[in-house]
Protein backbone atom coordinates (compact mmCIF):
# COMPACT_ATOMS: atom_id res chain seq x y z
CA MET A 1 -17.51 -15.88 3.52
CA THR A 2 -20.06 -14.42 5.91
CA THR A 3 -23.04 -12.95 4.09
CA HIS A 4 -23.85 -9.33 4.85
CA THR A 5 -26.40 -7.00 3.35
CA HIS A 6 -25.41 -3.36 3.22
CA SER A 7 -27.13 -0.25 2.02
CA GLY A 8 -25.20 2.22 -0.08
CA ALA A 9 -24.67 4.39 3.00
CA HIS A 10 -23.22 1.48 5.00
CA PHE A 11 -20.97 0.58 2.08
CA LEU A 12 -19.53 4.11 1.92
CA ARG A 13 -19.27 4.31 5.72
CA ASN A 14 -17.27 1.09 5.80
CA ALA A 15 -15.03 2.42 3.03
CA LEU A 16 -14.35 5.60 5.01
CA ILE A 17 -13.66 3.87 8.33
CA LEU A 18 -11.60 1.01 6.92
CA GLY A 19 -9.78 3.49 4.67
CA LEU A 20 -8.82 5.62 7.68
CA LEU A 21 -7.60 2.56 9.58
CA THR A 22 -5.58 1.53 6.53
CA ALA A 23 -4.09 5.00 6.16
CA ILE A 24 -2.66 5.45 9.66
CA GLY A 25 0.53 3.53 8.83
CA PRO A 26 1.20 5.41 5.57
CA PHE A 27 0.46 8.70 7.39
CA ALA A 28 3.28 7.84 9.79
CA ILE A 29 5.60 7.52 6.77
CA ASP A 30 4.49 10.31 4.44
CA MET A 31 3.98 13.02 7.05
CA TYR A 32 7.22 12.03 8.76
CA LEU A 33 9.57 12.37 5.77
CA PRO A 34 9.87 16.20 5.81
CA SER A 35 10.84 16.08 9.50
CA LEU A 36 14.06 14.05 9.10
CA PRO A 37 16.49 17.01 9.00
CA PHE A 38 14.73 18.67 11.95
CA ILE A 39 14.92 15.48 14.01
CA GLY A 40 18.66 15.19 13.35
CA ALA A 41 19.25 18.75 14.47
CA ASN A 42 16.98 18.53 17.50
CA LEU A 43 18.29 15.19 18.79
CA ASN A 44 21.93 15.79 17.77
CA ALA A 45 21.85 12.64 15.62
CA ASP A 46 23.71 11.75 12.45
CA PRO A 47 21.60 11.41 9.27
CA ASP A 48 22.27 7.67 9.18
CA LYS A 49 20.79 7.22 12.65
CA VAL A 50 17.79 9.36 11.80
CA LEU A 51 17.16 7.25 8.69
CA MET A 52 17.27 4.16 10.88
CA SER A 53 14.03 5.38 12.41
CA LEU A 54 12.44 5.09 8.97
CA THR A 55 13.99 1.69 8.25
CA ALA A 56 12.86 0.38 11.63
CA PHE A 57 9.27 1.32 10.84
CA PHE A 58 9.35 -0.42 7.45
CA ILE A 59 10.75 -3.65 8.93
CA THR A 60 7.99 -4.17 11.49
CA PHE A 61 5.34 -2.65 9.21
CA ALA A 62 6.08 -5.32 6.56
CA PHE A 63 6.56 -8.42 8.68
CA GLY A 64 4.00 -7.49 11.33
CA GLN A 65 1.35 -8.22 8.74
CA LEU A 66 2.33 -11.89 8.83
CA VAL A 67 1.48 -11.81 12.54
CA PHE A 68 -1.79 -9.89 12.58
CA GLY A 69 -3.35 -11.51 9.51
CA PRO A 70 -3.29 -15.10 10.81
CA ILE A 71 -4.15 -14.02 14.36
CA SER A 72 -7.25 -12.24 13.01
CA ASP A 73 -8.36 -15.52 11.40
CA ILE A 74 -8.09 -17.30 14.77
CA LEU A 75 -9.30 -14.60 17.21
CA GLY A 76 -11.58 -12.56 14.95
CA ARG A 77 -10.92 -9.21 13.33
CA ARG A 78 -11.72 -6.69 16.06
CA LEU A 79 -9.43 -7.76 18.93
CA PRO A 80 -6.16 -7.91 16.91
CA LEU A 81 -7.08 -4.79 14.95
CA TYR A 82 -7.68 -2.58 17.96
CA PHE A 83 -4.77 -4.07 19.87
CA GLY A 84 -2.56 -3.06 16.94
CA VAL A 85 -4.08 0.41 16.68
CA THR A 86 -3.68 0.92 20.43
CA LEU A 87 -0.03 -0.11 20.12
CA PHE A 88 0.34 2.36 17.25
CA ILE A 89 -1.19 5.16 19.34
CA GLY A 90 1.03 4.47 22.34
CA ALA A 91 4.15 4.21 20.18
CA SER A 92 3.28 7.47 18.40
CA ILE A 93 3.10 9.22 21.77
CA GLY A 94 6.43 7.64 22.68
CA CYS A 95 7.95 9.01 19.46
CA ALA A 96 6.60 12.47 20.23
CA LEU A 97 8.24 12.39 23.67
CA ALA A 98 11.53 10.73 22.61
CA GLU A 99 14.58 12.44 24.13
CA ASN A 100 17.16 10.79 21.88
CA VAL A 101 17.28 9.02 18.54
CA GLU A 102 17.69 5.56 20.09
CA ILE A 103 14.37 5.92 21.93
CA LEU A 104 12.79 7.24 18.74
CA ILE A 105 13.98 4.19 16.79
CA ALA A 106 12.61 1.83 19.45
CA PHE A 107 9.18 3.44 19.38
CA ARG A 108 9.20 3.53 15.58
CA LEU A 109 9.66 -0.25 15.64
CA LEU A 110 6.54 -0.54 17.80
CA GLN A 111 4.68 2.02 15.71
CA GLY A 112 5.34 0.04 12.53
CA LEU A 113 4.15 -3.16 14.19
CA GLY A 114 0.90 -1.52 15.29
CA GLY A 115 0.42 0.09 11.88
CA ALA A 116 0.68 -3.35 10.26
CA ALA A 117 -2.63 -4.35 11.85
CA GLY A 118 -4.28 -1.32 10.26
CA ILE A 119 -3.08 -2.36 6.83
CA VAL A 120 -3.83 -6.07 6.71
CA ILE A 121 -6.95 -6.58 8.84
CA PRO A 122 -9.21 -4.07 7.01
CA ARG A 123 -8.39 -5.91 3.78
CA ALA A 124 -9.49 -9.18 5.42
CA ILE A 125 -12.68 -7.47 6.62
CA VAL A 126 -13.42 -6.43 3.04
CA ARG A 127 -13.01 -10.06 1.98
CA ASP A 128 -15.34 -11.15 4.79
CA LEU A 129 -18.03 -8.72 3.69
CA HIS A 130 -17.83 -9.06 -0.09
CA SER A 131 -16.35 -11.00 -2.98
CA GLY A 132 -15.84 -10.43 -6.67
CA VAL A 133 -16.93 -7.09 -8.11
CA GLU A 134 -18.26 -5.70 -4.82
CA GLU A 135 -14.95 -6.54 -3.17
CA ALA A 136 -13.06 -4.72 -5.93
CA ARG A 137 -15.42 -1.75 -5.58
CA LEU A 138 -14.88 -1.53 -1.81
CA LEU A 139 -11.10 -1.92 -2.23
CA GLY A 140 -11.23 0.91 -4.75
CA LEU A 141 -13.05 3.12 -2.25
CA LEU A 142 -10.49 2.21 0.41
CA MET A 143 -7.79 3.33 -2.01
CA LEU A 144 -9.62 6.64 -2.49
CA VAL A 145 -9.44 7.32 1.27
CA PHE A 146 -5.93 5.86 1.38
CA SER A 147 -4.89 8.26 -1.43
CA VAL A 148 -5.03 11.21 0.96
CA SER A 149 -1.66 10.11 2.38
CA PRO A 150 0.58 10.26 -0.72
CA LEU A 151 -1.39 13.18 -2.19
CA LEU A 152 -1.47 15.53 0.81
CA ALA A 153 0.47 14.11 3.77
CA PRO A 154 3.99 15.31 2.80
CA LEU A 155 2.79 18.88 2.24
CA PHE A 156 0.60 18.84 5.35
CA GLY A 157 3.47 17.39 7.37
CA SER A 158 5.75 20.19 6.21
CA LEU A 159 3.22 22.82 7.30
CA ILE A 160 2.81 21.20 10.73
CA ILE A 161 6.58 20.95 11.22
CA GLU A 162 7.14 24.59 10.26
CA ALA A 163 4.39 25.84 12.56
CA LEU A 164 4.57 23.49 15.53
CA GLY A 165 7.68 21.33 15.25
CA TRP A 166 8.37 17.71 14.24
CA ARG A 167 6.97 16.17 17.41
CA THR A 168 3.50 17.44 16.49
CA VAL A 169 3.45 15.05 13.54
CA PHE A 170 3.35 12.11 15.94
CA TRP A 171 0.63 13.68 18.08
CA PHE A 172 -1.38 14.23 14.90
CA VAL A 173 -1.11 10.65 13.62
CA ALA A 174 -1.98 9.39 17.12
CA GLY A 175 -5.12 11.55 17.02
CA ILE A 176 -6.10 10.20 13.59
CA ALA A 177 -5.67 6.65 14.90
CA VAL A 178 -7.86 7.37 17.95
CA PHE A 179 -10.57 8.86 15.72
CA ALA A 180 -10.48 5.95 13.24
CA SER A 181 -10.55 3.30 15.98
CA LEU A 182 -13.52 4.94 17.71
CA LEU A 183 -15.45 4.96 14.43
CA GLY A 184 -14.55 1.33 13.86
CA LEU A 185 -15.62 0.26 17.34
CA LEU A 186 -18.96 2.01 16.89
CA PHE A 187 -19.85 1.08 13.32
CA VAL A 188 -17.86 -1.94 12.07
CA PRO A 189 -18.98 -5.22 13.66
CA GLU A 190 -17.00 -8.43 13.97
CA THR A 191 -17.04 -9.97 10.48
CA ARG A 192 -15.51 -13.39 11.26
CA SER A 193 -18.01 -15.61 12.98
CA ALA A 194 -17.29 -17.75 16.04
CA ALA A 195 -17.78 -20.87 13.92
CA GLN A 196 -15.19 -19.70 11.40
CA ARG A 197 -12.75 -18.90 14.21
CA ALA A 198 -13.30 -22.31 15.82
CA GLU A 199 -12.44 -24.01 12.53
CA THR A 200 -9.09 -22.22 12.40
CA SER A 201 -6.01 -23.65 14.13
CA VAL A 202 -2.29 -22.97 14.18
CA GLY A 203 -1.64 -26.21 12.31
CA GLY A 204 -4.26 -25.24 9.80
CA MET A 205 -2.63 -21.83 9.38
CA ILE A 206 0.73 -23.46 8.66
CA ARG A 207 -0.89 -25.72 6.09
CA THR A 208 -2.66 -22.74 4.55
CA CYS A 209 0.61 -20.84 4.36
CA GLY A 210 2.20 -23.77 2.57
CA GLN A 211 -0.79 -23.95 0.23
CA LEU A 212 -0.48 -20.24 -0.54
CA PHE A 213 3.22 -20.55 -1.36
CA THR A 214 2.51 -23.43 -3.75
CA ASP A 215 -0.59 -21.88 -5.35
CA LYS A 216 0.56 -20.73 -8.79
CA THR A 217 -2.28 -18.28 -9.24
CA PHE A 218 -1.96 -16.70 -5.79
CA MET A 219 1.82 -16.37 -5.89
CA GLY A 220 1.86 -15.29 -9.51
CA LEU A 221 -0.72 -12.54 -9.07
CA THR A 222 0.90 -11.49 -5.79
CA MET A 223 4.32 -11.20 -7.42
CA ALA A 224 2.85 -9.48 -10.47
CA GLY A 225 1.29 -6.94 -8.11
CA SER A 226 4.60 -6.67 -6.26
CA PHE A 227 6.60 -5.82 -9.36
CA ALA A 228 3.87 -3.45 -10.53
CA ILE A 229 3.82 -1.45 -7.29
CA CYS A 230 7.62 -1.47 -7.39
CA GLY A 231 7.28 0.58 -10.56
CA PHE A 232 5.72 3.26 -8.39
CA PHE A 233 8.19 2.78 -5.56
CA VAL A 234 11.09 3.45 -7.95
CA PHE A 235 9.43 6.75 -8.88
CA LEU A 236 8.66 7.54 -5.23
CA ALA A 237 12.26 7.04 -4.12
CA ASN A 238 14.03 8.76 -7.00
CA ALA A 239 11.69 11.38 -8.46
CA PRO A 240 12.70 14.14 -6.00
CA PHE A 241 16.29 14.02 -7.28
CA VAL A 242 15.27 13.68 -10.94
CA MET A 243 12.50 16.27 -10.98
CA MET A 244 14.34 18.90 -8.95
CA GLY A 245 17.83 18.07 -10.21
CA GLN A 246 17.52 17.16 -13.88
CA TYR A 247 14.36 19.12 -14.67
CA GLY A 248 14.97 22.01 -12.26
CA LEU A 249 11.57 21.93 -10.57
CA SER A 250 10.98 23.65 -7.25
CA PRO A 251 9.84 21.60 -4.23
CA VAL A 252 6.28 22.76 -4.94
CA GLY A 253 6.64 21.76 -8.59
CA PHE A 254 7.86 18.34 -7.59
CA SER A 255 4.95 17.97 -5.15
CA ILE A 256 2.56 18.64 -8.02
CA THR A 257 4.16 16.00 -10.26
CA PHE A 258 4.09 13.46 -7.45
CA SER A 259 0.46 14.22 -6.59
CA LEU A 260 -0.62 13.95 -10.24
CA ASN A 261 0.86 10.47 -10.59
CA ALA A 262 -0.67 9.31 -7.32
CA ALA A 263 -4.02 10.83 -8.36
CA ALA A 264 -3.96 8.96 -11.69
CA PHE A 265 -3.53 5.68 -9.80
CA PHE A 266 -6.31 6.27 -7.29
CA PHE A 267 -8.72 7.82 -9.82
CA ALA A 268 -8.47 4.78 -12.10
CA ALA A 269 -9.03 2.43 -9.15
CA GLN A 270 -12.52 3.87 -8.68
CA PHE A 271 -13.68 2.37 -11.97
CA CYS A 272 -12.67 -1.22 -11.20
CA GLY A 273 -16.08 -2.14 -9.78
CA LYS A 274 -18.11 -0.87 -12.75
CA LEU A 275 -15.78 -2.29 -15.38
CA GLY A 276 -15.49 -5.57 -13.50
CA ALA A 277 -19.28 -5.88 -13.36
CA ARG A 278 -19.48 -5.40 -17.11
CA PHE A 279 -16.50 -7.39 -18.37
CA GLY A 280 -15.39 -9.59 -15.44
CA LEU A 281 -12.35 -8.87 -13.30
CA ARG A 282 -10.00 -11.26 -15.08
CA ALA A 283 -10.70 -9.42 -18.34
CA LEU A 284 -9.28 -6.23 -16.78
CA VAL A 285 -5.96 -7.67 -15.62
CA MET A 286 -4.05 -8.26 -18.84
CA PRO A 287 -5.17 -5.07 -20.66
CA SER A 288 -4.10 -3.01 -17.64
CA ILE A 289 -0.72 -4.79 -17.56
CA TYR A 290 -0.23 -4.29 -21.31
CA GLY A 291 -1.05 -0.59 -20.92
CA PHE A 292 1.25 -0.21 -17.91
CA THR A 293 4.13 -1.98 -19.65
CA ALA A 294 3.71 -0.14 -22.97
CA ALA A 295 3.64 3.29 -21.30
CA MET A 296 6.68 2.64 -19.10
CA VAL A 297 8.78 0.99 -21.83
CA LEU A 298 7.96 3.89 -24.17
CA VAL A 299 8.90 6.58 -21.63
CA PHE A 300 12.21 4.80 -21.03
CA ALA A 301 12.90 4.44 -24.77
CA LEU A 302 12.22 8.14 -25.37
CA ASN A 303 14.44 9.17 -22.47
CA ALA A 304 17.21 6.85 -23.63
CA ALA A 305 16.96 8.34 -27.13
CA GLY A 306 17.36 11.86 -25.74
CA PHE A 307 13.67 12.91 -25.82
CA ASP A 308 13.49 13.63 -22.09
CA ASN A 309 10.86 16.35 -22.29
CA LEU A 310 9.23 16.82 -18.88
CA TYR A 311 5.67 17.10 -20.20
CA LEU A 312 5.97 14.02 -22.41
CA THR A 313 7.57 12.06 -19.57
CA MET A 314 4.80 13.11 -17.19
CA ALA A 315 2.04 12.24 -19.67
CA LEU A 316 3.35 8.70 -20.13
CA LEU A 317 3.91 8.22 -16.41
CA LEU A 318 0.34 9.34 -15.76
CA LEU A 319 -0.94 6.84 -18.33
CA GLY A 320 1.14 4.03 -16.84
CA TYR A 321 0.14 4.70 -13.25
CA GLY A 322 -3.49 5.02 -14.32
CA CYS A 323 -3.24 1.45 -15.68
CA LEU A 324 -1.69 0.46 -12.36
CA GLY A 325 -4.84 1.73 -10.65
CA PHE A 326 -6.86 -0.85 -12.60
CA LEU A 327 -4.34 -3.63 -12.06
CA LEU A 328 -3.75 -3.72 -8.30
CA PRO A 329 -7.34 -4.02 -6.99
CA THR A 330 -8.32 -6.61 -9.59
CA SER A 331 -5.18 -8.73 -9.17
CA SER A 332 -5.64 -8.66 -5.38
CA VAL A 333 -9.25 -9.84 -5.63
CA LEU A 334 -8.35 -12.64 -8.05
CA ALA A 335 -5.44 -13.76 -5.87
CA LEU A 336 -7.63 -13.93 -2.74
CA ASP A 337 -10.67 -15.39 -4.48
CA SER A 338 -10.15 -18.97 -3.29
CA TYR A 339 -9.19 -18.07 0.30
CA GLY A 340 -12.31 -16.59 1.85
CA GLU A 341 -11.89 -18.74 4.97
CA ALA A 342 -8.23 -17.73 5.33
CA ALA A 343 -8.47 -14.15 4.17
CA GLY A 344 -6.32 -12.85 7.01
CA MET A 345 -3.40 -15.15 6.24
CA ALA A 346 -3.68 -14.63 2.49
CA ALA A 347 -3.97 -10.84 2.72
CA SER A 348 -1.09 -10.58 5.19
CA LEU A 349 1.21 -12.76 3.10
CA MET A 350 0.36 -10.77 -0.01
CA ALA A 351 1.02 -7.41 1.65
CA THR A 352 4.26 -8.60 3.27
CA LEU A 353 5.64 -9.97 0.02
CA GLN A 354 4.74 -6.79 -1.84
CA LEU A 355 6.39 -4.53 0.75
CA ALA A 356 9.45 -6.76 1.02
CA VAL A 357 9.98 -6.84 -2.75
CA GLY A 358 9.39 -3.08 -2.85
CA ALA A 359 12.02 -2.46 -0.17
CA VAL A 360 14.59 -4.51 -2.09
CA VAL A 361 13.84 -2.74 -5.37
CA ILE A 362 14.08 0.71 -3.76
CA GLY A 363 17.44 -0.20 -2.22
CA VAL A 364 18.80 -1.54 -5.51
CA SER A 365 17.47 1.31 -7.64
CA GLY A 366 18.95 3.97 -5.38
CA GLY A 367 22.40 2.56 -6.05
CA PHE A 368 22.40 3.17 -9.79
CA ILE A 369 19.82 5.88 -10.57
CA ASN A 370 21.58 8.79 -8.81
CA GLY A 371 19.18 11.48 -10.04
CA ASN A 372 19.26 10.38 -13.69
CA GLY A 373 15.88 10.41 -15.45
CA THR A 374 16.83 7.77 -18.01
CA ALA A 375 17.97 5.40 -15.27
CA MET A 376 14.79 6.06 -13.27
CA THR A 377 12.47 5.36 -16.21
CA GLY A 378 14.60 2.31 -17.03
CA GLY A 379 14.04 0.97 -13.53
CA ILE A 380 10.31 1.60 -13.83
CA ALA A 381 10.20 -0.10 -17.25
CA LEU A 382 12.07 -3.11 -15.88
CA CYS A 383 9.47 -3.48 -13.14
CA ALA A 384 6.70 -3.27 -15.74
CA VAL A 385 8.29 -5.94 -17.94
CA ALA A 386 8.69 -8.21 -14.90
CA THR A 387 4.99 -7.64 -14.10
CA LEU A 388 4.01 -8.67 -17.63
CA ALA A 389 6.23 -11.77 -17.62
CA VAL A 390 4.90 -13.02 -14.28
CA ALA A 391 1.28 -12.36 -15.26
CA LEU A 392 1.63 -14.24 -18.54
CA LEU A 393 3.10 -17.23 -16.75
CA THR A 394 0.41 -17.06 -14.06
CA LEU A 395 -2.74 -16.57 -16.11
CA ARG A 396 -1.85 -18.73 -19.10
CA GLY A 397 -3.82 -21.96 -18.93
CA SER A 398 -5.49 -21.06 -15.64
CA ASN A 399 -8.83 -22.82 -15.29
CA LYS A 400 -10.21 -20.55 -12.59
CA GLN A 401 -13.51 -18.95 -13.41
CA THR A 402 -13.68 -15.27 -14.12
CA VAL A 403 -14.92 -13.34 -11.13
CA ALA A 404 -18.04 -11.64 -12.42
CA ALA A 405 -20.81 -9.59 -10.87
CA GLU A 406 -22.46 -11.11 -7.87
């Protein structure tokens, strides 16, 4: 890892810039969702074809990270990052100008690919700059910036669409990407040295990939994080039908419940650095998993027993997703701890696996939940139990040292 000394102001500046670069891809998802019916009407497209534009984005967004991560280890961080962001900007403009749904789908494929660079390379930059507690602290700050997307983007997207039309969403995300890339070019230097790049080869990357797949700790923590975030994805995909159908909430009421759960996650993530400095990061993982699992199993048990009170359900979901906010940054740091020289490959593989598992779980859960709160909480609880099982298998008997304060 390259050694860097940063003042508090530089630390926060990096968090803001890297957070904005990380958020451009999610902005293109969250702001876009309210526009789907308008796109269908405007382009005379069936709903299935319109949804393909969303699926296309997810495909390249997930697997593009396996491309940009390793390339950033070989060529350095800046060139692949800004190539990807430039591709994202151009594709966003193409989406805004699309005259039919087929062209929209094609540009969404390119947009997702460009957005993948913005997700995976900033995480590798964080690993270049810091390790241990400081890495967890910076990841937590990135999540704070990143949290703007699920908290505000759907509502903001709806307002833009109502006032200016769905095409404006793509002009807006292109503008955000331009702004973030300019800040990055001005203030974030290359963090992978020429010597480190020279030591990296394609053959070495293939060997590293094989090493990652056979590393019990890396794969275990990655899969534990995958199942944990799937617990939120199940809520994300099904809560609109449950909250507005079963509980009778208005769209605004649902937006509040969604924002509260997302806020619990991102608020808790801000304390990872301080708690990690005091207790060690490994000491945070299992308590957060136990809390996450207990809250989600309890909310399912109460719903299954007929106690499906909205306020009680929300309170337990908030508790569970708060624990998730402790779990994900710490498990990511621990998983990447031994791969400072291959941070791009490791971070990209982790992100791709988590998104791929999440996509499968969302697809499966949608087939049996059908707006039923008990089924939704059951799916969330199942993800939590899987998280606990994988973590127990992964951390039991591990001889890695606890990552403590630097």
